[in-house]
PDB file of N, CA and C in Angstrom:
ATOM      1  N   MET A   1       0.777  -1.280  -0.014  1.00  0.00           N
ATOM      2  CA  MET A   1       0.187  -0.286  -0.128  1.00  0.00           C
ATOM      3  C   MET A   1       0.865   1.176  -0.255  1.00  0.00           C
ATOM      4  N   LYS A   2       0.436   2.208  -0.498  1.00  0.00           N
ATOM      5  CA  LYS A   2       1.165   3.700  -0.844  1.00  0.00           C
ATOM      6  C   LYS A   2       1.278   4.008   0.933  1.00  0.00           C
ATOM      7  N   LYS A   3       1.892   4.871   1.088  1.00  0.00           N
ATOM      8  CA  LYS A   3       2.264   5.677   2.115  1.00  0.00           C
ATOM      9  C   LYS A   3       1.335   6.977   2.365  1.00  0.00           C
ATOM     10  N   PHE A   4       0.542   6.843   3.215  1.00  0.00           N
ATOM     11  CA  PHE A   4      -0.388   8.356   3.370  1.00  0.00           C
ATOM     12  C   PHE A   4       0.297   9.327   3.154  1.00  0.00           C
ATOM     13  N   ASP A   5      -0.024  10.614   2.346  1.00  0.00           N
ATOM     14  CA  ASP A   5       0.532  11.589   2.048  1.00  0.00           C
ATOM     15  C   ASP A   5      -0.647  12.863   2.706  1.00  0.00           C
ATOM     16  N   PRO A   6      -0.439  13.585   3.878  1.00  0.00           N
ATOM     17  CA  PRO A   6      -1.422  14.486   4.349  1.00  0.00           C
ATOM     18  C   PRO A   6      -1.591  15.689   3.457  1.00  0.00           C
ATOM     19  N   GLU A   7      -0.566  16.215   2.411  1.00  0.00           N
ATOM     20  CA  GLU A   7      -1.083  17.525   1.971  1.00  0.00           C
ATOM     21  C   GLU A   7      -2.010  16.733   0.441  1.00  0.00           C
ATOM     22  N   HIS A   8      -1.706  15.436   0.095  1.00  0.00           N
ATOM     23  CA  HIS A   8      -2.464  15.329  -0.723  1.00  0.00           C
ATOM     24  C   HIS A   8      -4.219  14.979  -0.339  1.00  0.00           C
ATOM     25  N   ALA A   9      -4.130  14.457   0.710  1.00  0.00           N
ATOM     26  CA  ALA A   9      -5.320  13.844   1.143  1.00  0.00           C
ATOM     27  C   ALA A   9      -6.292  15.445   1.537  1.00  0.00           C
ATOM     28  N   ALA A  10      -5.291  16.529   1.764  1.00  0.00           N
ATOM     29  CA  ALA A  10      -6.005  17.701   2.423  1.00  0.00           C
ATOM     30  C   ALA A  10      -6.790  18.251   1.231  1.00  0.00           C
ATOM     31  N   ARG A  11      -5.957  18.148  -0.237  1.00  0.00           N
ATOM     32  CA  ARG A  11      -6.303  18.922  -1.146  1.00  0.00           C
ATOM     33  C   ARG A  11      -7.539  18.017  -2.104  1.00  0.00           C
ATOM     34  N   HIS A  12      -7.676  16.696  -1.380  1.00  0.00           N
ATOM     35  CA  HIS A  12      -8.728  15.686  -2.071  1.00  0.00           C
ATOM     36  C   HIS A  12      -9.868  15.711  -1.420  1.00  0.00           C
ATOM     37  N   GLY A  13      -9.669  15.900   0.112  1.00  0.00           N
ATOM     38  CA  GLY A  13     -10.679  15.896   0.961  1.00  0.00           C
ATOM     39  C   GLY A  13     -10.947  14.774   1.654  1.00  0.00           C
ATOM     40  N   TYR A  14      -9.941  13.965   2.310  1.00  0.00           N
ATOM     41  CA  TYR A  14     -10.254  12.687   2.845  1.00  0.00           C
ATOM     42  C   TYR A  14      -8.994  12.830   4.129  1.00  0.00           C
ATOM     43  N   THR A  15      -9.152  12.129   5.132  1.00  0.00           N
ATOM     44  CA  THR A  15      -8.752  12.046   6.287  1.00  0.00           C
ATOM     45  C   THR A  15      -7.516  10.838   6.443  1.00  0.00           C
ATOM     46  N   ARG A  16      -6.713  10.708   7.512  1.00  0.00           N
ATOM     47  CA  ARG A  16      -6.270   9.291   7.701  1.00  0.00           C
ATOM     48  C   ARG A  16      -6.990   8.251   8.193  1.00  0.00           C
ATOM     49  N   GLU A  17      -7.790   8.665   8.864  1.00  0.00           N
ATOM     50  CA  GLU A  17      -8.925   7.556   9.219  1.00  0.00           C
ATOM     51  C   GLU A  17      -9.733   7.118   7.870  1.00  0.00           C
ATOM     52  N   ASP A  18      -9.726   7.875   6.980  1.00  0.00           N
ATOM     53  CA  ASP A  18     -10.675   7.429   5.781  1.00  0.00           C
ATOM     54  C   ASP A  18      -9.265   6.333   4.969  1.00  0.00           C
ATOM     55  N   TRP A  19      -7.959   6.769   4.896  1.00  0.00           N
ATOM     56  CA  TRP A  19      -7.578   6.061   4.047  1.00  0.00           C
ATOM     57  C   TRP A  19      -6.943   4.812   4.834  1.00  0.00           C
ATOM     58  N   GLU A  20      -7.045   4.741   6.190  1.00  0.00           N
ATOM     59  CA  GLU A  20      -6.740   3.688   7.003  1.00  0.00           C
ATOM     60  C   GLU A  20      -8.055   2.665   7.080  1.00  0.00           C
ATOM     61  N   ALA A  21      -9.357   3.161   6.532  1.00  0.00           N
ATOM     62  CA  ALA A  21     -10.659   2.516   6.635  1.00  0.00           C
ATOM     63  C   ALA A  21     -10.788   1.696   5.214  1.00  0.00           C
ATOM     64  N   VAL A  22      -9.824   1.803   4.101  1.00  0.00           N
ATOM     65  CA  VAL A  22      -9.785   1.159   3.187  1.00  0.00           C
ATOM     66  C   VAL A  22      -9.129  -0.099   2.979  1.00  0.00           C
ATOM     67  N   ASP A  23     -10.023  -1.174   2.986  1.00  0.00           N
ATOM     68  CA  ASP A  23      -9.599  -2.536   2.813  1.00  0.00           C
ATOM     69  C   ASP A  23      -9.611  -3.188   1.423  1.00  0.00           C
ATOM     70  N   SER A  24      -8.558  -3.174   0.717  1.00  0.00           N
ATOM     71  CA  SER A  24      -8.487  -3.671  -0.630  1.00  0.00           C
ATOM     72  C   SER A  24      -7.287  -4.584  -0.754  1.00  0.00           C
ATOM     73  N   PRO A  25      -7.996  -5.991  -0.558  1.00  0.00           N
ATOM     74  CA  PRO A  25      -7.460  -6.934  -0.684  1.00  0.00           C
ATOM     75  C   PRO A  25      -6.824  -7.511  -1.974  1.00  0.00           C
ATOM     76  N   LYS A  26      -5.828  -8.215  -2.442  1.00  0.00           N
ATOM     77  CA  LYS A  26      -5.069  -8.645  -3.571  1.00  0.00           C
ATOM     78  C   LYS A  26      -6.330  -9.502  -4.311  1.00  0.00           C
ATOM     79  N   LEU A  27      -6.120  -9.130  -5.671  1.00  0.00           N
ATOM     80  CA  LEU A  27      -7.402  -9.933  -6.391  1.00  0.00           C
ATOM     81  C   LEU A  27      -6.633 -11.104  -6.634  1.00  0.00           C
ATOM     82  N   THR A  28      -7.602 -12.388  -6.687  1.00  0.00           N
ATOM     83  CA  THR A  28      -7.005 -13.531  -7.022  1.00  0.00           C
ATOM     84  C   THR A  28      -7.013 -14.001  -8.334  1.00  0.00           C
ATOM     85  N   ASP A  29      -6.120 -15.125  -8.706  1.00  0.00           N
ATOM     86  CA  ASP A  29      -6.140 -15.550  -9.918  1.00  0.00           C
ATOM     87  C   ASP A  29      -7.362 -15.502 -10.794  1.00  0.00           C
ATOM     88  N   GLU A  30      -8.198 -15.903 -10.091  1.00  0.00           N
ATOM     89  CA  GLU A  30      -9.583 -16.233 -10.511  1.00  0.00           C
ATOM     90  C   GLU A  30     -10.377 -14.920 -11.114  1.00  0.00           C
ATOM     91  N   GLU A  31     -10.135 -13.848 -10.222  1.00  0.00           N
ATOM     92  CA  GLU A  31     -10.550 -12.290 -10.728  1.00  0.00           C
ATOM     93  C   GLU A  31     -10.207 -12.053 -11.454  1.00  0.00           C
ATOM     94  N   LEU A  32      -8.296 -11.916 -11.440  1.00  0.00           N
ATOM     95  CA  LEU A  32      -7.761 -11.485 -12.689  1.00  0.00           C
ATOM     96  C   LEU A  32      -8.399 -12.253 -14.330  1.00  0.00           C
ATOM     97  N   ALA A  33      -8.627 -13.568 -13.908  1.00  0.00           N
ATOM     98  CA  ALA A  33      -8.795 -14.100 -15.304  1.00  0.00           C
ATOM     99  C   ALA A  33     -10.401 -13.580 -15.796  1.00  0.00           C
ATOM    100  N   GLN A  34     -11.119 -13.170 -14.892  1.00  0.00           N
ATOM    101  CA  GLN A  34     -12.510 -12.523 -15.178  1.00  0.00           C
ATOM    102  C   GLN A  34     -12.512 -10.889 -15.450  1.00  0.00           C
ATOM    103  N   ALA A  35     -11.435 -10.438 -15.294  1.00  0.00           N
ATOM    104  CA  ALA A  35     -11.397  -8.904 -15.668  1.00  0.00           C
ATOM    105  C   ALA A  35     -11.433  -8.947 -17.212  1.00  0.00           C
ATOM    106  N   ARG A  36     -12.127  -7.791 -17.555  1.00  0.00           N
ATOM    107  CA  ARG A  36     -12.020  -7.192 -19.101  1.00  0.00           C
ATOM    108  C   ARG A  36     -11.782  -5.833 -19.059  1.00  0.00           C
ATOM    109  N   PRO A  37     -11.321  -5.430 -20.038  1.00  0.00           N
ATOM    110  CA  PRO A  37     -10.853  -4.105 -20.343  1.00  0.00           C
ATOM    111  C   PRO A  37     -11.833  -3.076 -20.243  1.00  0.00           C
ATOM    112  N   PHE A  38     -11.572  -1.930 -19.549  1.00  0.00           N
ATOM    113  CA  PHE A  38     -12.610  -0.664 -19.376  1.00  0.00           C
ATOM    114  C   PHE A  38     -13.272  -0.459 -20.635  1.00  0.00           C
ATOM    115  N   ALA A  39     -12.667  -0.608 -21.850  1.00  0.00           N
ATOM    116  CA  ALA A  39     -13.301  -0.069 -23.183  1.00  0.00           C
ATOM    117  C   ALA A  39     -14.327  -1.084 -23.452  1.00  0.00           C
ATOM    118  N   GLU A  40     -14.123  -2.132 -23.199  1.00  0.00           N
ATOM    119  CA  GLU A  40     -14.911  -3.276 -23.492  1.00  0.00           C
ATOM    120  C   GLU A  40     -16.251  -3.236 -22.547  1.00  0.00           C
ATOM    121  N   VAL A  41     -16.166  -2.898 -21.218  1.00  0.00           N
ATOM    122  CA  VAL A  41     -17.117  -2.771 -20.514  1.00  0.00           C
ATOM    123  C   VAL A  41     -18.080  -1.509 -20.224  1.00  0.00           C
ATOM    124  N   PHE A  42     -17.329  -0.362 -20.902  1.00  0.00           N
ATOM    125  CA  PHE A  42     -18.129   0.883 -20.685  1.00  0.00           C
ATOM    126  C   PHE A  42     -17.474   1.390 -22.083  1.00  0.00           C
ATOM    127  N   PRO A  43     -18.191   0.913 -23.317  1.00  0.00           N
ATOM    128  CA  PRO A  43     -17.539   1.557 -24.805  1.00  0.00           C
ATOM    129  C   PRO A  43     -17.975   2.779 -25.115  1.00  0.00           C
ATOM    130  N   THR A  44     -19.296   3.430 -24.224  1.00  0.00           N
ATOM    131  CA  THR A  44     -19.715   4.680 -24.416  1.00  0.00           C
ATOM    132  C   THR A  44     -18.782   5.863 -23.637  1.00  0.00           C
ATOM    133  N   LEU A  45     -18.679   5.608 -22.438  1.00  0.00           N
ATOM    134  CA  LEU A  45     -17.877   6.355 -21.717  1.00  0.00           C
ATOM    135  C   LEU A  45     -16.386   6.206 -21.877  1.00  0.00           C
ATOM    136  N   ALA A  46     -15.730   5.121 -22.717  1.00  0.00           N
ATOM    137  CA  ALA A  46     -14.516   5.048 -23.121  1.00  0.00           C
ATOM    138  C   ALA A  46     -14.212   5.986 -24.092  1.00  0.00           C
ATOM    139  N   GLU A  47     -15.116   6.133 -25.195  1.00  0.00           N
ATOM    140  CA  GLU A  47     -15.233   6.908 -26.305  1.00  0.00           C
ATOM    141  C   GLU A  47     -15.303   8.142 -25.866  1.00  0.00           C
ATOM    142  N   LYS A  48     -15.881   8.750 -24.859  1.00  0.00           N
ATOM    143  CA  LYS A  48     -16.088  10.484 -24.367  1.00  0.00           C
ATOM    144  C   LYS A  48     -14.794  10.650 -23.920  1.00  0.00           C
ATOM    145  N   ILE A  49     -14.097   9.734 -23.218  1.00  0.00           N
ATOM    146  CA  ILE A  49     -12.815   9.973 -22.663  1.00  0.00           C
ATOM    147  C   ILE A  49     -11.751  10.116 -23.208  1.00  0.00           C
ATOM    148  N   ARG A  50     -11.776   9.269 -24.527  1.00  0.00           N
ATOM    149  CA  ARG A  50     -10.882   9.457 -25.755  1.00  0.00           C
ATOM    150  C   ARG A  50     -11.019  10.715 -26.506  1.00  0.00           C
ATOM    151  N   LYS A  51     -12.420  11.013 -26.741  1.00  0.00           N
ATOM    152  CA  LYS A  51     -12.299  12.419 -27.135  1.00  0.00           C
ATOM    153  C   LYS A  51     -11.767  13.504 -26.422  1.00  0.00           C
ATOM    154  N   ALA A  52     -11.984  13.517 -24.954  1.00  0.00           N
ATOM    155  CA  ALA A  52     -11.994  14.707 -24.153  1.00  0.00           C
ATOM    156  C   ALA A  52     -10.504  15.026 -24.074  1.00  0.00           C
ATOM    157  N   THR A  53      -9.930  13.972 -24.130  1.00  0.00           N
ATOM    158  CA  THR A  53      -8.372  13.924 -24.008  1.00  0.00           C
ATOM    159  C   THR A  53      -7.292  14.046 -25.420  1.00  0.00           C
ATOM    160  N   GLN A  54      -8.114  13.968 -26.575  1.00  0.00           N
ATOM    161  CA  GLN A  54      -7.491  14.279 -27.718  1.00  0.00           C
ATOM    162  C   GLN A  54      -7.651  15.771 -27.833  1.00  0.00           C
ATOM    163  N   ARG A  55      -8.124  16.857 -27.199  1.00  0.00           N
ATOM    164  CA  ARG A  55      -8.508  18.173 -27.526  1.00  0.00           C
ATOM    165  C   ARG A  55      -7.134  19.018 -27.274  1.00  0.00           C
TER     166      ARG A  55
END
């Protein structure tokens, strides 16, 4: 896990308690095998992002 950065947290509106409350376990091989690309799952949103970043 990344180290808590209080300056970053203050800019983005979260606290050390918020940071420590997050439980993000490693994905299993089975979960990784089921993963699909963002653009495949959300094609419309992916296209909007693509267009917005090409400006």
